[in-house]
Protein backbone atom coordinates (compact mmCIF):
# COMPACT_ATOMS: atom_id res chain seq x y z
CA MET A 1 -51.17 -121.15 124.85
CA THR A 2 -52.34 -123.61 123.15
CA ALA A 3 -55.41 -122.42 122.00
CA ASP A 4 -57.44 -121.32 118.54
CA ALA A 5 -61.35 -120.01 118.11
CA ASP A 6 -64.13 -121.81 116.41
CA ASN A 7 -66.28 -119.55 113.49
CA GLU A 8 -68.67 -119.60 116.88
CA GLY A 9 -66.11 -117.87 119.33
CA GLN A 10 -65.53 -120.89 121.36
CA PRO A 11 -62.15 -121.43 122.67
CA ARG A 12 -61.52 -125.08 120.58
CA ARG A 13 -58.56 -127.32 122.90
CA PRO A 14 -56.33 -129.86 122.55
CA VAL A 15 -57.50 -133.50 123.07
CA SER A 16 -56.09 -134.04 126.70
CA ALA A 17 -57.32 -134.80 130.57
CA GLU A 18 -57.14 -130.76 131.44
CA ALA A 19 -58.95 -130.56 128.17
CA GLY A 20 -61.59 -132.50 129.28
CA GLN A 21 -62.12 -131.72 132.77
CA ALA A 22 -62.37 -127.59 131.27
CA GLU A 23 -65.51 -128.62 129.30
CA ARG A 24 -67.38 -130.05 132.31
CA VAL A 25 -66.88 -126.09 133.97
CA GLY A 26 -70.31 -124.74 134.45
CA LEU A 27 -71.57 -121.09 134.27
CA ALA A 28 -72.63 -121.16 137.59
CA GLU A 29 -69.62 -123.00 139.23
CA ILE A 30 -68.10 -119.25 137.01
CA ALA A 31 -70.29 -117.17 138.51
CA THR A 32 -69.93 -118.37 142.06
CA GLN A 33 -65.72 -118.86 142.60
CA TRP A 34 -65.14 -115.47 140.16
CA GLY A 35 -67.87 -113.80 142.09
CA LYS A 36 -66.40 -114.94 145.65
CA ILE A 37 -62.71 -113.99 143.85
CA GLY A 38 -64.46 -110.50 142.73
CA CYS A 39 -65.43 -109.79 147.53
CA ILE A 40 -62.44 -111.42 148.45
CA GLY A 41 -59.89 -109.52 145.96
CA PHE A 42 -58.42 -107.12 148.14
CA GLY A 43 -54.59 -106.00 148.00
CA GLY A 44 -55.10 -105.04 143.85
CA PRO A 45 -53.56 -106.87 140.69
CA PRO A 46 -51.18 -109.40 142.48
CA ALA A 47 -53.76 -110.46 144.89
CA HIS A 48 -56.23 -111.05 141.96
CA VAL A 49 -53.63 -112.55 139.93
CA SER A 50 -52.91 -114.71 143.28
CA LEU A 51 -56.35 -116.08 143.90
CA LEU A 52 -57.13 -116.57 140.35
CA ARG A 53 -53.62 -118.78 139.46
CA GLN A 54 -54.54 -121.44 143.47
CA LEU A 55 -57.88 -121.76 142.39
CA CYS A 56 -57.39 -122.28 138.04
CA VAL A 57 -54.21 -124.35 138.22
CA GLN A 58 -53.49 -125.46 142.04
CA GLN A 59 -57.22 -125.97 143.44
CA ARG A 60 -58.91 -127.23 140.31
CA GLY A 61 -56.94 -128.17 137.56
CA TRP A 62 -58.54 -126.47 135.33
CA LEU A 63 -55.98 -125.47 133.55
CA SER A 64 -52.22 -125.93 133.38
CA ALA A 65 -49.94 -124.11 134.85
CA GLY A 66 -48.23 -122.97 131.78
CA GLU A 67 -51.08 -121.65 130.14
CA PHE A 68 -52.26 -119.86 133.43
CA GLU A 69 -48.93 -117.77 132.15
CA ASP A 70 -48.74 -117.63 129.14
CA GLY A 71 -52.67 -116.25 129.76
CA ILE A 72 -50.45 -113.69 132.35
CA ALA A 73 -48.14 -113.03 129.47
CA ALA A 74 -50.32 -112.27 127.13
CA THR A 75 -52.93 -110.16 129.25
CA ASN A 76 -50.63 -107.78 129.90
CA LEU A 77 -50.17 -106.72 125.99
CA LEU A 78 -53.15 -105.27 126.64
CA PRO A 79 -53.95 -101.65 127.67
CA GLY A 80 -56.44 -101.60 130.77
CA PRO A 81 -56.90 -103.75 134.11
CA ALA A 82 -54.39 -106.79 133.72
CA SER A 83 -55.79 -107.97 136.27
CA THR A 84 -59.87 -107.82 135.36
CA GLN A 85 -58.53 -108.62 131.41
CA LEU A 86 -56.92 -111.86 133.12
CA ALA A 87 -59.98 -113.30 135.04
CA ILE A 88 -61.96 -112.55 131.27
CA TRP A 89 -59.64 -114.47 129.68
CA SER A 90 -59.17 -117.17 132.39
CA ALA A 91 -63.23 -117.96 132.25
CA TRP A 92 -63.24 -117.24 128.40
CA ARG A 93 -60.91 -120.07 128.29
CA LEU A 94 -63.45 -122.24 130.45
CA ARG A 95 -66.57 -121.77 128.65
CA GLY A 96 -65.58 -119.42 125.08
CA ILE A 97 -67.55 -116.26 125.46
CA PRO A 98 -70.81 -116.97 127.30
CA GLY A 99 -68.32 -118.27 129.96
CA ALA A 100 -66.51 -114.59 129.51
CA LEU A 101 -68.95 -112.88 130.15
CA VAL A 102 -70.11 -113.97 133.14
CA GLY A 103 -66.57 -114.65 134.86
CA GLY A 104 -65.78 -111.51 133.79
CA LEU A 105 -68.99 -109.36 135.13
CA CYS A 106 -68.88 -111.87 138.83
CA PHE A 107 -65.16 -110.29 139.01
CA ILE A 108 -66.34 -106.79 139.01
CA LEU A 109 -69.59 -106.47 140.29
CA PRO A 110 -68.42 -106.67 143.92
CA GLY A 111 -66.34 -103.90 144.07
CA LEU A 112 -68.12 -102.23 141.71
CA VAL A 113 -70.87 -102.21 144.39
CA LEU A 114 -69.31 -101.92 147.20
CA ILE A 115 -67.92 -98.64 145.91
CA LEU A 116 -70.71 -97.07 144.96
CA GLY A 117 -71.94 -97.35 148.15
CA LEU A 118 -68.65 -95.48 149.52
CA ALA A 119 -69.01 -92.93 146.92
CA ALA A 120 -72.63 -92.57 147.72
CA VAL A 121 -72.11 -91.12 151.63
CA PHE A 122 -68.84 -89.76 150.90
CA LEU A 123 -70.14 -88.03 148.29
CA ALA A 124 -73.38 -87.10 150.22
CA GLU A 125 -74.46 -83.06 150.42
CA HIS A 126 -73.68 -83.57 153.94
CA PRO A 127 -71.54 -86.41 154.22
CA PRO A 128 -70.93 -87.76 158.61
CA ARG A 129 -67.94 -85.50 159.31
CA TRP A 130 -66.02 -89.46 160.53
CA VAL A 131 -66.19 -90.39 156.48
CA VAL A 132 -64.70 -87.06 154.95
CA GLY A 133 -62.25 -87.10 158.03
CA ALA A 134 -61.22 -90.91 156.62
CA ALA A 135 -61.84 -90.04 152.41
CA ALA A 136 -59.09 -86.62 153.51
CA GLY A 137 -56.36 -89.00 155.76
CA ALA A 138 -56.95 -92.04 152.50
CA ALA A 139 -56.24 -89.52 150.42
CA ALA A 140 -53.35 -87.84 152.16
CA ALA A 141 -51.92 -91.50 151.28
CA VAL A 142 -52.88 -92.07 147.65
CA PRO A 143 -49.57 -90.55 146.03
CA VAL A 144 -47.16 -92.87 147.90
CA VAL A 145 -49.36 -95.69 146.81
CA ALA A 146 -48.63 -94.49 143.49
CA VAL A 147 -44.80 -94.55 143.78
CA HIS A 148 -45.74 -97.99 145.19
CA ALA A 149 -47.32 -99.02 142.57
CA ALA A 150 -44.55 -97.35 140.01
CA ALA A 151 -41.90 -99.26 142.18
CA GLY A 152 -43.47 -102.50 141.24
CA LEU A 153 -43.68 -102.12 137.57
CA LEU A 154 -40.46 -101.22 137.06
CA PRO A 155 -37.86 -104.29 137.18
CA ALA A 156 -40.02 -106.26 134.39
CA SER A 157 -40.10 -102.84 132.13
CA TRP A 158 -36.42 -102.18 132.33
CA SER A 159 -35.67 -106.46 132.23
CA ARG A 160 -38.20 -105.96 128.86
CA ALA A 161 -35.91 -102.83 127.18
CA GLY A 162 -32.87 -104.96 126.73
CA THR A 163 -28.90 -104.89 127.31
CA ARG A 164 -28.53 -102.80 124.39
CA PRO A 165 -27.14 -99.36 126.16
CA ALA A 166 -28.95 -97.14 122.82
CA ALA A 167 -32.39 -99.14 123.73
CA ARG A 168 -31.91 -98.65 127.54
CA ILE A 169 -31.39 -94.63 127.27
CA ARG A 170 -34.84 -94.79 124.88
CA TRP A 171 -36.03 -96.59 127.94
CA THR A 172 -35.10 -93.34 130.13
CA VAL A 173 -36.15 -90.44 128.12
CA TYR A 174 -39.69 -92.43 127.67
CA LEU A 175 -39.68 -92.90 131.46
CA LEU A 176 -39.54 -89.15 132.18
CA ALA A 177 -41.75 -87.97 129.53
CA GLY A 178 -44.14 -90.05 131.18
CA GLY A 179 -43.43 -87.87 134.61
CA ALA A 180 -42.71 -84.51 133.47
CA ILE A 181 -46.02 -84.47 131.39
CA ALA A 182 -48.21 -86.73 134.70
CA ALA A 183 -46.92 -84.31 136.93
CA VAL A 184 -47.17 -81.11 134.94
CA THR A 185 -50.72 -81.93 132.85
CA GLY A 186 -52.96 -84.81 132.91
CA PRO A 187 -54.69 -84.69 129.05
CA TRP A 188 -52.19 -85.41 126.83
CA VAL A 189 -50.66 -88.18 128.86
CA VAL A 190 -51.90 -90.61 127.07
CA VAL A 191 -50.97 -88.98 123.61
CA VAL A 192 -47.06 -89.25 125.72
CA LEU A 193 -47.68 -92.69 126.18
CA LEU A 194 -49.15 -93.46 122.43
CA GLY A 195 -45.95 -91.51 120.89
CA CYS A 196 -42.99 -93.29 122.85
CA GLY A 197 -44.53 -96.89 121.77
CA LEU A 198 -44.90 -95.88 117.85
CA ILE A 199 -41.30 -93.78 118.98
CA GLU A 200 -39.63 -97.33 119.86
CA ILE A 201 -41.85 -98.67 116.38
CA THR A 202 -39.75 -96.74 114.58
CA THR A 203 -36.64 -96.59 116.05
CA GLY A 204 -36.21 -100.32 117.59
CA ALA A 205 -36.25 -100.78 113.30
CA ARG A 206 -38.38 -104.33 113.80
CA GLY A 207 -40.78 -104.31 110.50
CA ARG A 208 -40.00 -101.34 108.92
CA GLU A 209 -43.00 -102.52 106.48
CA SER A 210 -45.58 -102.83 108.28
CA ARG A 211 -45.11 -100.65 111.67
CA TRP A 212 -48.02 -97.90 110.73
CA ARG A 213 -50.67 -100.25 110.43
CA THR A 214 -51.43 -99.93 113.93
CA LEU A 215 -51.64 -95.82 114.19
CA PRO A 216 -55.08 -95.91 113.15
CA LEU A 217 -56.47 -98.05 115.93
CA LEU A 218 -54.07 -96.38 117.97
CA LEU A 219 -55.34 -93.57 117.56
CA ALA A 220 -59.01 -94.35 116.99
CA PRO A 221 -60.09 -93.00 120.75
CA ALA A 222 -58.92 -89.18 119.55
CA ALA A 223 -63.04 -88.22 118.92
CA ALA A 224 -63.67 -85.96 122.49
CA ALA A 225 -67.17 -86.04 123.80
CA THR A 226 -69.25 -82.72 123.96
CA GLY A 227 -70.56 -82.60 127.94
CA GLY A 228 -72.87 -84.48 129.43
CA LEU A 229 -73.34 -87.93 129.64
CA GLY A 230 -71.62 -88.16 126.48
CA ALA A 231 -68.37 -87.06 128.71
CA VAL A 232 -68.66 -89.06 131.19
CA ALA A 233 -69.22 -92.11 128.91
CA TRP A 234 -65.83 -90.33 126.61
CA VAL A 235 -63.44 -89.69 129.96
CA ALA A 236 -64.68 -93.76 131.38
CA ALA A 237 -63.83 -94.93 128.06
CA LYS A 238 -59.93 -93.72 127.64
CA VAL A 239 -59.48 -94.83 131.50
CA GLY A 240 -60.36 -98.24 130.17
CA ALA A 241 -59.36 -98.35 126.74
CA LEU A 242 -55.33 -96.78 127.42
CA SER A 243 -54.42 -97.68 131.08
CA TYR A 244 -50.43 -98.86 129.57
CA GLY A 245 -49.05 -100.25 132.91
CA GLY A 246 -52.21 -100.12 135.17
CA GLY A 247 -54.90 -97.58 136.48
CA PHE A 248 -52.77 -95.45 138.30
CA VAL A 249 -51.62 -94.65 134.51
CA ILE A 250 -54.83 -92.51 133.63
CA ILE A 251 -54.67 -90.42 137.62
CA PRO A 252 -53.80 -87.64 136.21
CA MET A 253 -55.43 -88.12 132.79
CA MET A 254 -59.05 -88.18 135.15
CA GLN A 255 -58.00 -85.62 137.54
CA HIS A 256 -58.03 -83.07 134.72
CA ASP A 257 -60.58 -84.09 133.66
CA ALA A 258 -63.06 -84.95 136.48
CA VAL A 259 -61.86 -81.32 138.26
CA GLN A 260 -60.60 -79.01 136.12
CA THR A 261 -62.64 -79.83 132.50
CA TYR A 262 -66.17 -81.08 133.14
CA HIS A 263 -65.74 -79.32 137.43
CA TRP A 264 -67.59 -82.85 138.62
CA MET A 265 -65.61 -82.92 141.80
CA SER A 266 -62.48 -81.37 143.91
CA ASP A 267 -59.19 -82.08 143.60
CA ALA A 268 -59.65 -83.45 147.69
CA GLN A 269 -62.64 -84.97 146.64
CA PHE A 270 -60.86 -87.20 143.66
CA SER A 271 -58.03 -88.62 146.29
CA SER A 272 -60.24 -89.74 148.13
CA ALA A 273 -62.23 -91.45 145.15
CA VAL A 274 -58.85 -92.88 144.16
CA ALA A 275 -58.55 -94.32 148.24
CA LEU A 276 -61.76 -96.04 147.86
CA GLY A 277 -60.84 -97.43 144.25
CA GLN A 278 -57.36 -98.09 146.40
CA ILE A 279 -59.19 -100.06 149.86
CA THR A 280 -62.78 -101.83 147.79
CA PRO A 281 -61.68 -104.84 145.64
CA GLY A 282 -60.90 -104.83 142.23
CA PRO A 283 -59.18 -102.45 139.78
CA VAL A 284 -58.74 -98.39 140.65
CA VAL A 285 -59.77 -98.16 137.23
CA GLN A 286 -63.11 -98.58 139.01
CA THR A 287 -62.62 -94.83 140.54
CA VAL A 288 -63.84 -93.97 137.38
CA ALA A 289 -67.46 -95.26 138.98
CA VAL A 290 -67.11 -92.91 141.15
CA VAL A 291 -66.22 -90.12 139.14
CA GLY A 292 -69.53 -90.92 137.40
CA TYR A 293 -72.17 -90.85 140.84
CA ALA A 294 -69.89 -87.12 140.58
CA ALA A 295 -71.11 -86.13 137.49
CA ALA A 296 -74.41 -87.69 137.50
CA GLY A 297 -75.55 -89.74 140.28
CA LEU A 298 -76.38 -93.49 139.92
CA GLY A 299 -76.83 -93.48 136.22
CA GLY A 300 -73.97 -91.71 135.71
CA ALA A 301 -71.85 -94.28 137.93
CA LEU A 302 -73.38 -97.36 135.49
CA LEU A 303 -71.84 -95.50 132.40
CA ALA A 304 -68.84 -94.69 133.28
CA ALA A 305 -68.68 -98.40 134.61
CA LEU A 306 -69.82 -99.95 131.24
CA ALA A 307 -67.57 -97.80 129.44
CA ALA A 308 -64.02 -98.67 131.73
CA PHE A 309 -64.78 -102.19 131.29
CA ALA A 310 -66.33 -102.81 127.87
CA PRO A 311 -62.80 -102.52 126.01
CA SER A 312 -61.96 -105.15 128.19
CA PHE A 313 -64.27 -107.87 127.68
CA ALA A 314 -63.96 -106.43 123.63
CA PHE A 315 -59.98 -106.76 123.83
CA VAL A 316 -60.13 -110.26 125.19
CA LEU A 317 -62.34 -111.59 123.68
CA LEU A 318 -61.39 -110.05 120.09
CA ALA A 319 -57.60 -110.32 120.76
CA GLY A 320 -57.99 -113.73 122.68
CA PRO A 321 -57.70 -116.18 119.18
CA TYR A 322 -54.77 -114.60 118.55
CA PHE A 323 -52.77 -114.24 121.22
CA ASP A 324 -49.97 -116.45 120.08
CA ARG A 325 -49.50 -114.42 117.58
CA LEU A 326 -49.81 -110.82 119.37
CA ARG A 327 -47.08 -112.45 121.95
CA THR A 328 -44.98 -113.16 119.41
CA ASP A 329 -44.98 -110.50 116.98
CA PRO A 330 -42.28 -107.28 117.87
CA ARG A 331 -44.11 -105.20 116.64
CA VAL A 332 -45.87 -105.13 120.03
CA HIS A 333 -43.42 -105.96 121.89
CA ALA A 334 -41.68 -102.14 120.14
CA PHE A 335 -45.18 -100.84 121.28
CA LEU A 336 -45.08 -102.49 125.10
CA THR A 337 -40.92 -101.20 125.73
CA GLY A 338 -42.03 -97.33 125.20
CA ALA A 339 -45.44 -97.29 126.78
CA SER A 340 -44.91 -98.98 129.33
CA ALA A 341 -42.41 -97.40 130.16
CA ALA A 342 -43.84 -94.02 129.85
CA ALA A 343 -46.62 -95.55 132.21
CA ILE A 344 -44.84 -96.51 134.65
CA GLY A 345 -42.78 -92.98 134.67
CA ALA A 346 -47.08 -91.24 134.39
CA ILE A 347 -47.63 -93.60 137.53
CA ALA A 348 -44.80 -91.98 139.28
CA GLY A 349 -45.25 -88.63 138.15
CA SER A 350 -49.08 -88.29 139.20
CA ALA A 351 -48.44 -88.23 142.39
CA ILE A 352 -47.33 -84.54 142.27
CA PRO A 353 -51.05 -83.08 141.88
CA LEU A 354 -52.66 -85.62 144.11
CA THR A 355 -50.29 -84.56 146.76
CA GLN A 356 -50.76 -80.92 145.57
CA ALA A 357 -54.39 -81.65 146.22
CA LEU A 358 -53.77 -82.29 149.56
CA ALA A 359 -55.28 -79.26 152.14
CA HIS A 360 -54.50 -79.84 154.89
CA LEU A 361 -51.15 -79.58 157.13
CA TRP A 362 -51.88 -83.29 158.99
CA GLN A 363 -52.23 -84.94 155.85
CA ALA A 364 -48.53 -84.07 154.85
CA GLY A 365 -48.70 -86.22 158.24
CA VAL A 366 -49.99 -88.83 157.13
CA LEU A 367 -48.54 -89.37 153.97
CA ALA A 368 -44.69 -89.08 155.74
CA LEU A 369 -46.39 -92.33 157.43
CA ALA A 370 -47.54 -93.87 154.33
CA VAL A 371 -43.72 -93.60 152.89
CA VAL A 372 -42.32 -95.22 156.11
CA TRP A 373 -45.07 -98.14 155.96
CA LEU A 374 -45.13 -98.89 151.90
CA LEU A 375 -41.59 -97.51 151.07
CA VAL A 376 -39.64 -98.69 153.97
CA LEU A 377 -41.14 -101.06 155.82
CA ARG A 378 -43.34 -102.41 152.57
CA ARG A 379 -45.87 -103.54 154.48
CA GLY A 380 -49.83 -103.36 152.19
CA ILE A 381 -51.57 -101.09 150.24
CA VAL A 382 -54.58 -101.86 152.08
CA THR A 383 -53.05 -101.43 155.73
CA ALA A 384 -51.91 -97.94 154.11
CA LEU A 385 -54.73 -96.59 153.39
CA LEU A 386 -56.87 -97.80 156.29
CA GLY A 387 -54.60 -96.83 159.24
CA ALA A 388 -54.61 -93.75 156.99
CA ALA A 389 -58.37 -93.01 156.77
CA THR A 390 -58.33 -94.42 160.50
CA LEU A 391 -56.14 -91.15 161.05
CA GLY A 392 -58.10 -89.18 158.96
CA VAL A 393 -61.37 -89.38 161.34
CA LEU A 394 -58.74 -88.17 164.47
CA ALA A 395 -58.22 -85.49 162.85
CA ALA A 396 -62.14 -84.70 162.14
CA PHE A 397 -62.58 -85.06 165.80
CA THR A 398 -59.56 -82.81 166.44
CA THR A 399 -59.16 -80.45 164.72
CA ALA A 400 -60.81 -77.57 164.68
CA ALA A 401 -61.41 -77.41 160.02
CA LEU A 402 -63.01 -79.83 159.00
CA PRO A 403 -60.84 -82.45 156.44
CA GLY A 404 -62.31 -82.13 152.80
């Protein structure tokens, strides 16, 4: 990446044809194009990255291929939803802070509006039978989606660990630790992720003199809210700021907070909320908006969304000018090696509490079909969830027990 930042927070580009073209991109154009991606971005981060690359590199030439790949690498260094941060970063490269704000909001809002509409129907006092059935059916496939997401992250994380036997042993321990903590208890997932990252900084012998400088920053979220809207904001902020490896990593922690600590939702409702986050465009982090809706209605949902996505804007806008330095800092890479391995384990481990939340025998059949569809046939997540939802609707009208 070749940009630095001037005193006004605007990215400074070298004199080139690409830079000159980028300068002419208007905010209205950014709003239109990023909003379009926000509307059609079904399929999670791979789809978002592909659409952004197609727009910014292949179609418009606003960014070079190398610059865009640098952006992917840099945003993957940050906690939080990486594809959302890539959307914010791409717009920031074109028009600085105003572009980042406009592009990020237009990318997020379509999926947020859709998921809030679905949440209003699903969490109504007496939702239609078919809605409850569809939600229960989709929820039955969610544990398999979690395993599928973890499997997709394994190769890159394993490669980052390097080839030394000791490093690979540590990586395996981090993976198992993350999986175990996610399977057994949700609230401590983030502590394990941070701990694994800090252990890797220490044992990797990467900068002994200054390796503890990041500790206050990593442990800053240690203060907890006591309840009400403060609790909604706190839960959402943890989701947005500590999603190492993707949104699924914080599912166990969010489930514990929403179901056991604050009793905003049942286990079945939470699993359905995760499914809603998967079948709508945008990151799975948007699930937290459904949790906020369950806690405090529309106001709670909007507060949760604000608290969850604000860290992504802050990370990109504050760290953007220093991405080159971050990408070459061995301590950052060491931390991510440990934290990402634990995060992948946690994502896979989240499948256990999500499976335990299933309440109906027919859901086991849907889960088995999802295993075949996603893990054996390697088909798409959205089609798996929509198919599971369809089976749930059929079950709602053909079984004696009402799902949910």
